[in-house]
Amino acid sequence: MKRNVLIIGAGGVAQVVAHKCAQNNDVLGDLHIASRTLPKCEAIIASVNEKGSMKQPGVFRAHAVDATDTDAVAALIRETGVQIVINVGSAFVNMYVLEACIQTGVAYMDTAIHEDPAKICETPPWYGNYEWKRRERCAEAGVTAILGVGFDPGVVNAYAKLAATDYLDTVSSIDIVDINAGSHGRWFSTNFDPEINFREFTGTVYSWQNGAWQSNAMFEVGQEFDLPVVGKQKAYMTGHDEVHSLSANYPDADVRFWMGFGDHYINVFTVLKNLGLLSEQPVKTAEGLEVVPLKVVKAVLPDPASLAPDYVGKTCIGDIVKGTKNGAEAEVFIYNVADHKDAFNETGSQGISYTAGVPPVAAAILIANGTWDVSKMVNVEELDPKPFLTLLNGMGLPTRIKDANGDRPFEG
């Protein structure tokens, strides 16, 4: 049984992870959190203590570390004696933290594919450019590495596996739909790190259709979805992490990702992009200062964590999976609805952070008790989804199933 957890990162998602780890410290053991900025880690621990989230008295310590320094991360792992690392730092640090875990023999998980700050939208499959290159080393070292175990990617991968194994005989398409019907009251903001957010949408939109990679421009392909609770919502086909693993594991199915955007977001995004302010390449000002436009935009926008107190409304995220059952065409929608205010009241973070932060803690529990401690690198759809979704039912992210038999809760 593995115990003791190190959380890498100190943003809104890390805050949710910290609260949920604290609520399960009887299973997870000693807790540690580390980022470049020690006061941010200390503030998260203070939040945990203020809300009384620790299930039982125990260790929860803050540390300063540069997550791009593999040796420093490895040293911290050895110093703290942790056996599970939950990486919810920037996607720029994944490969450094993963390498530290391989070197020290501890379990690793993240919530997004690694990104190179100098590159946007690389050749698919994106996992093949980074994490998957460490597959053999993970297996040789007996290291469990669970990739993309947030909500999307993560829970939606488990939804696809559940649909394929329990509700359909064959799968012809997997459409992941992410709708945030909430409002934060700001003139403009992104729901997570602006730099990562904008990088997702400035490159080519890749989807897997007709057995090959297809490319489109952002906001080129859109459609309206009529969903439970949030109703009719316009969403656009977007490039996203889970398409790159699901296409490998379900190559005969079309795999697409759809995200909801309002007209205001699209207008602001388009202006920023057309002005060159979303570029990751440095430019020089008239005064000779070298700046990266995208980082300047990030600096002037609200910190996504600051949105939490005023956020209201709900999210609806799920998989529309089509195929056949008993020789006839069939369709199932597996989904979750989360409430921003409920998330804030429990953890001090908004619903987007909550949906991303709860799943890796559920995965950590499954590693701790041996259920998902597989001693190799995997994506979520390669694991049994039922223990994962059953845990999430009791951790604030219940799953529902909608098909020809009605709309009902997932019961394991």
Protein backbone atom coordinates (compact mmCIF):
# COMPACT_ATOMS: atom_id res chain seq x y z
CA MET A 1 0.00 0.00 0.00
CA LYS A 2 1.38 3.39 -1.02
CA ARG A 3 1.03 6.38 1.31
CA ASN A 4 2.09 10.01 1.62
CA VAL A 5 1.35 12.51 -1.15
CA LEU A 6 3.23 15.43 -2.70
CA ILE A 7 1.11 17.99 -4.57
CA ILE A 8 3.01 20.01 -7.18
CA GLY A 9 1.40 23.39 -7.89
CA ALA A 10 -0.40 26.08 -5.90
CA GLY A 11 -3.22 27.34 -8.12
CA GLY A 12 -6.97 26.83 -7.94
CA VAL A 13 -6.79 23.15 -8.93
CA ALA A 14 -4.05 22.50 -6.36
CA GLN A 15 -6.28 24.05 -3.70
CA VAL A 16 -9.04 21.55 -4.52
CA VAL A 17 -6.53 18.69 -4.53
CA ALA A 18 -5.26 19.81 -1.12
CA HIS A 19 -8.74 19.88 0.42
CA LYS A 20 -9.67 16.51 -1.02
CA CYS A 21 -6.39 14.91 0.06
CA ALA A 22 -6.97 16.30 3.55
CA GLN A 23 -10.48 14.83 3.58
CA ASN A 24 -8.91 11.44 2.83
CA ASN A 25 -5.68 11.65 4.83
CA ASP A 26 -6.63 8.51 6.75
CA VAL A 27 -5.88 6.66 3.49
CA LEU A 28 -3.33 8.98 1.88
CA GLY A 29 -1.16 9.67 4.93
CA ASP A 30 1.22 12.63 5.23
CA LEU A 31 0.57 15.49 2.82
CA HIS A 32 3.00 17.95 1.24
CA ILE A 33 2.50 20.76 -1.27
CA ALA A 34 5.22 22.51 -3.26
CA SER A 35 5.57 25.31 -5.80
CA ARG A 36 7.99 28.11 -6.63
CA THR A 37 6.10 30.42 -4.29
CA LEU A 38 6.05 29.15 -0.71
CA PRO A 39 3.41 31.66 0.54
CA LYS A 40 0.89 30.31 -1.99
CA CYS A 41 1.38 26.80 -0.61
CA GLU A 42 1.06 28.08 2.94
CA ALA A 43 -2.17 29.90 2.03
CA ILE A 44 -3.65 26.67 0.68
CA ILE A 45 -2.79 24.80 3.87
CA ALA A 46 -4.34 27.66 5.86
CA SER A 47 -7.53 27.25 3.79
CA VAL A 48 -7.55 23.52 4.54
CA ASN A 49 -7.23 24.23 8.25
CA GLU A 50 -9.83 27.01 8.24
CA LYS A 51 -12.44 24.75 6.67
CA GLY A 52 -11.52 21.81 8.91
CA SER A 53 -10.84 19.59 5.92
CA MET A 54 -8.32 17.27 7.64
CA LYS A 55 -10.17 14.02 8.31
CA GLN A 56 -7.78 13.18 11.10
CA PRO A 57 -4.80 14.97 12.68
CA GLY A 58 -1.74 14.62 10.49
CA VAL A 59 1.10 16.19 8.55
CA PHE A 60 0.49 18.85 5.90
CA ARG A 61 3.62 20.83 5.03
CA ALA A 62 4.50 23.49 2.45
CA HIS A 63 7.72 23.54 0.42
CA ALA A 64 9.36 25.75 -2.20
CA VAL A 65 10.62 23.98 -5.32
CA ASP A 66 11.31 24.78 -8.95
CA ALA A 67 9.32 22.02 -10.68
CA THR A 68 11.45 22.37 -13.83
CA ASP A 69 14.46 21.21 -11.78
CA THR A 70 14.22 17.41 -11.82
CA ASP A 71 16.99 16.99 -9.25
CA ALA A 72 15.27 19.38 -6.84
CA VAL A 73 11.93 17.59 -7.20
CA ALA A 74 13.62 14.20 -6.71
CA ALA A 75 15.38 15.50 -3.61
CA LEU A 76 12.07 16.73 -2.19
CA ILE A 77 10.45 13.35 -2.87
CA ARG A 78 13.24 11.62 -0.96
CA GLU A 79 13.20 14.17 1.87
CA THR A 80 9.44 13.88 2.45
CA GLY A 81 9.18 10.13 1.89
CA VAL A 82 6.14 10.49 -0.35
CA GLN A 83 5.08 7.60 -2.56
CA ILE A 84 2.50 9.42 -4.72
CA VAL A 85 3.00 12.68 -6.63
CA ILE A 86 -0.03 14.63 -7.90
CA ASN A 87 1.26 17.09 -10.49
CA VAL A 88 -1.20 19.94 -10.97
CA GLY A 89 1.40 22.55 -11.83
CA SER A 90 1.67 24.15 -15.25
CA ALA A 91 1.73 21.75 -18.20
CA PHE A 92 5.25 23.07 -18.85
CA VAL A 93 6.63 21.07 -15.89
CA ASN A 94 5.22 17.60 -16.58
CA MET A 95 8.27 15.94 -18.04
CA TYR A 96 10.56 17.22 -15.30
CA VAL A 97 8.27 15.97 -12.53
CA LEU A 98 7.66 12.66 -14.32
CA GLU A 99 11.40 12.13 -14.64
CA ALA A 100 11.85 12.78 -10.91
CA CYS A 101 9.18 10.17 -10.16
CA ILE A 102 10.84 7.59 -12.39
CA GLN A 103 14.20 8.23 -10.73
CA THR A 104 12.75 7.86 -7.24
CA GLY A 105 10.32 5.04 -8.04
CA VAL A 106 7.14 6.80 -6.88
CA ALA A 107 3.70 7.00 -8.50
CA TYR A 108 2.98 9.95 -10.79
CA MET A 109 -0.14 11.57 -12.18
CA ASP A 110 -1.00 14.76 -14.06
CA THR A 111 -4.07 16.40 -15.58
CA ALA A 112 -2.82 17.55 -19.00
CA ILE A 113 -0.22 16.77 -21.68
CA HIS A 114 3.22 18.35 -21.31
CA GLU A 115 3.79 21.50 -23.37
CA ASP A 116 6.95 23.11 -24.65
CA PRO A 117 6.63 26.88 -24.04
CA ALA A 118 8.18 27.57 -27.45
CA LYS A 119 5.75 25.37 -29.40
CA ILE A 120 2.00 25.41 -29.96
CA CYS A 121 -0.15 22.59 -31.30
CA GLU A 122 2.48 20.04 -32.27
CA THR A 123 1.99 17.06 -34.59
CA PRO A 124 -0.53 14.56 -33.19
CA PRO A 125 -0.76 12.42 -31.20
CA TRP A 126 0.48 14.95 -28.64
CA TYR A 127 1.18 12.33 -25.97
CA GLY A 128 3.56 10.70 -28.43
CA ASN A 129 5.74 13.82 -28.40
CA TYR A 130 6.29 13.71 -24.64
CA GLU A 131 4.90 11.40 -21.92
CA TRP A 132 4.58 8.26 -24.02
CA LYS A 133 8.33 8.38 -24.67
CA ARG A 134 8.77 7.38 -21.01
CA ARG A 135 6.51 4.32 -21.20
CA GLU A 136 9.31 1.74 -21.28
CA ARG A 137 11.20 3.39 -18.44
CA CYS A 138 8.09 3.47 -16.26
CA ALA A 139 7.52 -0.23 -16.89
CA GLU A 140 11.17 -1.07 -16.24
CA ALA A 141 11.11 0.88 -12.97
CA GLY A 142 7.67 -0.43 -11.96
CA VAL A 143 6.38 3.15 -11.73
CA THR A 144 2.66 3.77 -11.95
CA ALA A 145 2.09 6.88 -14.09
CA ILE A 146 -1.52 7.85 -14.78
CA LEU A 147 -1.73 10.51 -17.47
CA GLY A 148 -4.45 13.14 -17.81
CA VAL A 149 -6.49 12.25 -14.75
CA GLY A 150 -8.39 15.51 -14.32
CA PHE A 151 -11.93 15.76 -15.67
CA ASP A 152 -11.23 16.40 -19.34
CA PRO A 153 -8.92 14.68 -19.89
CA GLY A 154 -9.55 12.09 -17.19
CA VAL A 155 -13.12 11.42 -16.13
CA VAL A 156 -14.32 11.73 -19.73
CA ASN A 157 -11.83 9.00 -20.69
CA ALA A 158 -13.38 6.78 -18.01
CA TYR A 159 -16.83 7.62 -19.38
CA ALA A 160 -15.72 6.44 -22.84
CA LYS A 161 -14.42 3.18 -21.41
CA LEU A 162 -17.63 2.65 -19.42
CA ALA A 163 -19.76 3.26 -22.50
CA ALA A 164 -17.68 0.88 -24.60
CA THR A 165 -17.70 -1.94 -22.05
CA ASP A 166 -21.14 -1.69 -20.43
CA TYR A 167 -23.53 0.08 -22.79
CA LEU A 168 -22.43 -0.61 -26.37
CA ASP A 169 -21.15 -3.58 -28.35
CA THR A 170 -19.36 -1.40 -30.91
CA VAL A 171 -18.36 2.27 -30.76
CA SER A 172 -18.56 4.50 -33.84
CA SER A 173 -18.10 7.94 -32.26
CA ILE A 174 -17.08 9.62 -29.01
CA ASP A 175 -18.04 13.28 -28.68
CA ILE A 176 -16.81 14.94 -25.50
CA VAL A 177 -18.86 18.03 -24.64
CA ASP A 178 -17.68 20.59 -22.07
CA ILE A 179 -20.14 23.33 -21.16
CA ASN A 180 -19.58 25.94 -18.47
CA ALA A 181 -22.92 27.68 -17.99
CA GLY A 182 -21.62 29.68 -15.03
CA SER A 183 -20.84 33.38 -14.69
CA HIS A 184 -17.95 34.99 -12.80
CA GLY A 185 -19.06 38.61 -13.18
CA ARG A 186 -15.81 39.89 -14.74
CA TRP A 187 -15.70 41.70 -18.09
CA PHE A 188 -13.31 39.04 -19.36
CA SER A 189 -11.32 36.23 -17.80
CA THR A 190 -10.25 32.64 -18.45
CA ASN A 191 -11.26 29.86 -16.08
CA PHE A 192 -7.74 28.46 -15.77
CA ASP A 193 -4.21 29.66 -16.50
CA PRO A 194 -4.68 32.20 -19.34
CA GLU A 195 -1.45 31.17 -21.03
CA ILE A 196 -2.47 27.50 -21.19
CA ASN A 197 -6.06 28.44 -22.07
CA PHE A 198 -5.15 30.59 -25.06
CA ARG A 199 -2.47 28.18 -26.29
CA GLU A 200 -5.17 25.50 -26.61
CA PHE A 201 -7.14 27.65 -29.05
CA THR A 202 -4.56 29.43 -31.21
CA GLY A 203 -3.34 26.37 -33.08
CA THR A 204 -4.88 23.75 -35.35
CA VAL A 205 -8.01 21.95 -34.15
CA TYR A 206 -7.22 18.26 -34.45
CA SER A 207 -9.91 15.57 -34.39
CA TRP A 208 -9.80 11.86 -35.18
CA GLN A 209 -12.33 11.03 -37.89
CA ASN A 210 -12.57 8.36 -40.59
CA GLY A 211 -9.48 6.66 -39.19
CA ALA A 212 -7.18 9.66 -39.62
CA TRP A 213 -6.29 13.02 -38.14
CA GLN A 214 -8.42 15.85 -39.46
CA SER A 215 -7.63 19.54 -39.06
CA ASN A 216 -9.81 22.62 -38.75
CA ALA A 217 -9.46 26.19 -37.55
CA MET A 218 -10.69 27.27 -34.13
CA PHE A 219 -14.40 28.25 -34.13
CA GLU A 220 -14.77 26.83 -37.66
CA VAL A 221 -17.06 23.93 -36.66
CA GLY A 222 -19.82 24.49 -34.14
CA GLN A 223 -23.15 23.00 -33.18
CA GLU A 224 -25.84 23.32 -30.53
CA PHE A 225 -26.23 20.69 -27.82
CA ASP A 226 -29.34 20.28 -25.67
CA LEU A 227 -28.00 19.05 -22.34
CA PRO A 228 -29.40 18.22 -18.91
CA VAL A 229 -29.66 21.15 -16.46
CA VAL A 230 -27.78 23.69 -18.62
CA GLY A 231 -30.12 23.37 -21.63
CA LYS A 232 -29.26 24.37 -25.20
CA GLN A 233 -25.66 25.50 -25.57
CA LYS A 234 -23.45 26.32 -28.57
CA ALA A 235 -20.13 24.48 -28.58
CA TYR A 236 -17.20 24.43 -30.99
CA MET A 237 -14.93 21.58 -32.02
CA THR A 238 -11.64 22.16 -30.27
CA GLY A 239 -8.29 20.37 -30.10
CA HIS A 240 -7.86 18.72 -26.73
CA ASP A 241 -5.69 16.22 -24.87
CA GLU A 242 -8.05 13.27 -24.55
CA VAL A 243 -8.58 13.03 -28.31
CA HIS A 244 -4.93 11.99 -28.59
CA SER A 245 -5.19 8.94 -26.33
CA LEU A 246 -8.78 7.91 -27.09
CA SER A 247 -7.95 7.85 -30.81
CA ALA A 248 -5.16 5.38 -30.07
CA ASN A 249 -7.33 3.17 -27.88
CA TYR A 250 -10.50 3.44 -30.04
CA PRO A 251 -9.06 3.86 -33.56
CA ASP A 252 -12.27 2.77 -35.29
CA ALA A 253 -14.32 5.51 -33.63
CA ASP A 254 -14.52 9.19 -34.55
CA VAL A 255 -13.24 11.18 -31.54
CA ARG A 256 -14.06 14.87 -31.17
CA PHE A 257 -13.94 17.44 -28.36
CA TRP A 258 -16.48 20.26 -28.09
CA MET A 259 -16.26 23.26 -25.78
CA GLY A 260 -18.86 25.91 -25.11
CA PHE A 261 -17.97 29.55 -25.87
CA GLY A 262 -20.05 32.69 -25.69
CA ASP A 263 -19.92 35.37 -28.37
CA HIS A 264 -18.11 37.76 -26.01
CA TYR A 265 -15.24 35.30 -25.42
CA ILE A 266 -14.93 34.66 -29.16
CA ASN A 267 -14.84 38.38 -29.96
CA VAL A 268 -12.16 39.17 -27.36
CA PHE A 269 -10.11 36.14 -28.35
CA THR A 270 -10.29 37.08 -32.03
CA VAL A 271 -9.14 40.66 -31.41
CA LEU A 272 -6.24 39.55 -29.20
CA LYS A 273 -5.17 36.93 -31.76
CA ASN A 274 -5.42 39.30 -34.74
CA LEU A 275 -3.32 41.87 -32.89
CA GLY A 276 -0.62 39.27 -32.23
CA LEU A 277 -1.14 39.45 -28.48
CA LEU A 278 -1.58 35.67 -28.15
CA SER A 279 1.82 34.90 -29.66
CA GLU A 280 4.25 32.84 -27.61
CA GLN A 281 7.21 34.31 -29.53
CA PRO A 282 9.12 37.22 -27.92
CA VAL A 283 9.00 40.73 -29.41
CA LYS A 284 10.91 43.94 -28.62
CA THR A 285 9.25 47.12 -27.52
CA ALA A 286 10.33 50.53 -28.77
CA GLU A 287 12.34 50.84 -25.55
CA GLY A 288 14.26 47.67 -26.35
CA LEU A 289 12.48 45.48 -23.79
CA GLU A 290 11.93 41.88 -24.85
CA VAL A 291 8.47 40.58 -23.93
CA VAL A 292 6.28 37.61 -24.80
CA PRO A 293 2.85 39.00 -25.79
CA LEU A 294 0.96 36.01 -24.39
CA LYS A 295 2.65 36.40 -21.00
CA VAL A 296 1.74 40.11 -20.95
CA VAL A 297 -1.91 39.24 -21.58
CA LYS A 298 -1.74 36.66 -18.79
CA ALA A 299 -0.29 39.27 -16.42
CA VAL A 300 -3.13 41.76 -16.95
CA LEU A 301 -6.03 39.29 -16.76
CA PRO A 302 -7.60 38.22 -13.44
CA ASP A 303 -6.03 35.28 -11.64
CA PRO A 304 -8.53 32.44 -12.29
CA ALA A 305 -8.45 31.58 -8.58
CA SER A 306 -9.79 35.07 -7.82
CA LEU A 307 -13.02 34.30 -9.71
CA ALA A 308 -14.20 31.74 -7.16
CA PRO A 309 -16.08 33.92 -4.62
CA ASP A 310 -18.38 35.43 -7.27
CA TYR A 311 -18.88 32.42 -9.52
CA VAL A 312 -22.45 31.15 -9.91
CA GLY A 313 -24.06 28.59 -12.18
CA LYS A 314 -23.26 25.07 -13.26
CA THR A 315 -21.06 23.02 -15.57
CA CYS A 316 -22.11 20.02 -17.64
CA ILE A 317 -19.35 17.81 -19.02
CA GLY A 318 -19.80 14.40 -20.56
CA ASP A 319 -19.46 11.94 -23.44
CA ILE A 320 -22.00 11.31 -26.18
CA VAL A 321 -21.02 7.84 -27.34
CA LYS A 322 -22.68 6.21 -30.34
CA GLY A 323 -22.43 2.71 -31.74
CA THR A 324 -24.47 -0.48 -31.73
CA LYS A 325 -26.10 -2.68 -29.08
CA ASN A 326 -27.52 -6.08 -29.98
CA GLY A 327 -27.25 -5.22 -33.66
CA ALA A 328 -29.16 -1.94 -33.46
CA GLU A 329 -27.91 1.65 -33.39
CA ALA A 330 -27.52 2.96 -29.85
CA GLU A 331 -26.40 6.10 -28.02
CA VAL A 332 -25.49 6.89 -24.42
CA PHE A 333 -24.64 10.20 -22.73
CA ILE A 334 -22.53 9.82 -19.59
CA TYR A 335 -22.06 13.09 -17.73
CA ASN A 336 -21.61 15.16 -14.58
CA VAL A 337 -23.16 18.45 -13.49
CA ALA A 338 -21.16 20.55 -11.00
CA ASP A 339 -22.10 23.76 -9.19
CA HIS A 340 -19.63 26.64 -8.86
CA LYS A 341 -21.01 27.89 -5.55
CA ASP A 342 -20.96 24.42 -3.99
CA ALA A 343 -17.33 24.05 -5.07
CA PHE A 344 -16.40 27.38 -3.50
CA ASN A 345 -18.20 26.64 -0.25
CA GLU A 346 -16.33 23.36 0.13
CA THR A 347 -12.84 24.19 -1.13
CA GLY A 348 -12.62 27.92 -1.84
CA SER A 349 -12.21 27.24 -5.58
CA GLN A 350 -14.61 27.59 -8.52
CA GLY A 351 -16.24 24.72 -10.37
CA ILE A 352 -13.69 24.43 -13.18
CA SER A 353 -10.91 23.94 -10.67
CA TYR A 354 -13.12 21.57 -8.68
CA THR A 355 -13.88 19.27 -11.60
CA ALA A 356 -10.16 19.14 -12.46
CA GLY A 357 -8.92 18.71 -8.88
CA VAL A 358 -11.15 16.02 -7.41
CA PRO A 359 -10.35 13.21 -9.93
CA PRO A 360 -6.57 12.99 -9.28
CA VAL A 361 -7.28 12.55 -5.58
CA ALA A 362 -9.66 9.69 -6.37
CA ALA A 363 -6.89 8.20 -8.52
CA ALA A 364 -4.41 8.64 -5.65
CA ILE A 365 -6.74 6.69 -3.35
CA LEU A 366 -6.96 3.90 -5.95
CA ILE A 367 -3.17 3.83 -6.19
CA ALA A 368 -2.89 3.81 -2.40
CA ASN A 369 -5.20 0.82 -2.03
CA GLY A 370 -3.63 -1.02 -4.98
CA THR A 371 -6.61 -0.93 -7.36
CA TRP A 372 -4.89 1.34 -9.90
CA ASP A 373 -1.28 0.72 -8.85
CA VAL A 374 -0.41 -0.85 -12.21
CA SER A 375 3.40 -0.33 -12.26
CA LYS A 376 3.36 1.16 -15.76
CA MET A 377 2.27 4.27 -17.68
CA VAL A 378 -1.40 4.40 -18.69
CA ASN A 379 -4.12 6.76 -19.80
CA VAL A 380 -7.36 6.63 -17.84
CA GLU A 381 -9.34 4.67 -20.45
CA GLU A 382 -6.87 1.79 -20.02
CA LEU A 383 -8.03 1.30 -16.43
CA ASP A 384 -11.22 -0.09 -14.89
CA PRO A 385 -13.53 2.96 -14.70
CA LYS A 386 -15.98 1.65 -12.13
CA PRO A 387 -13.91 2.00 -8.93
CA PHE A 388 -12.92 5.50 -10.07
CA LEU A 389 -16.44 6.69 -10.87
CA THR A 390 -17.80 5.06 -7.72
CA LEU A 391 -15.31 7.03 -5.61
CA LEU A 392 -16.17 10.26 -7.45
CA ASN A 393 -19.86 9.70 -6.69
CA GLY A 394 -19.02 10.19 -3.01
CA MET A 395 -16.43 12.93 -3.51
CA GLY A 396 -18.64 15.59 -5.10
CA LEU A 397 -18.63 14.59 -8.79
CA PRO A 398 -21.50 12.13 -9.29
CA THR A 399 -21.97 10.50 -12.68
CA ARG A 400 -25.27 10.19 -14.52
CA ILE A 401 -26.25 7.97 -17.45
CA LYS A 402 -28.75 9.02 -20.12
CA ASP A 403 -29.84 6.56 -22.81
CA ALA A 404 -32.97 4.95 -24.22
CA ASN A 405 -33.84 3.74 -20.71
CA GLY A 406 -33.90 7.27 -19.25
CA ASP A 407 -31.64 9.50 -17.15
CA ARG A 408 -30.35 7.95 -13.94
CA PRO A 409 -27.40 8.02 -11.53
CA PHE A 410 -24.43 5.73 -12.06
CA GLU A 411 -24.38 3.21 -9.24
CA GLY A 412 -21.23 1.24 -9.96
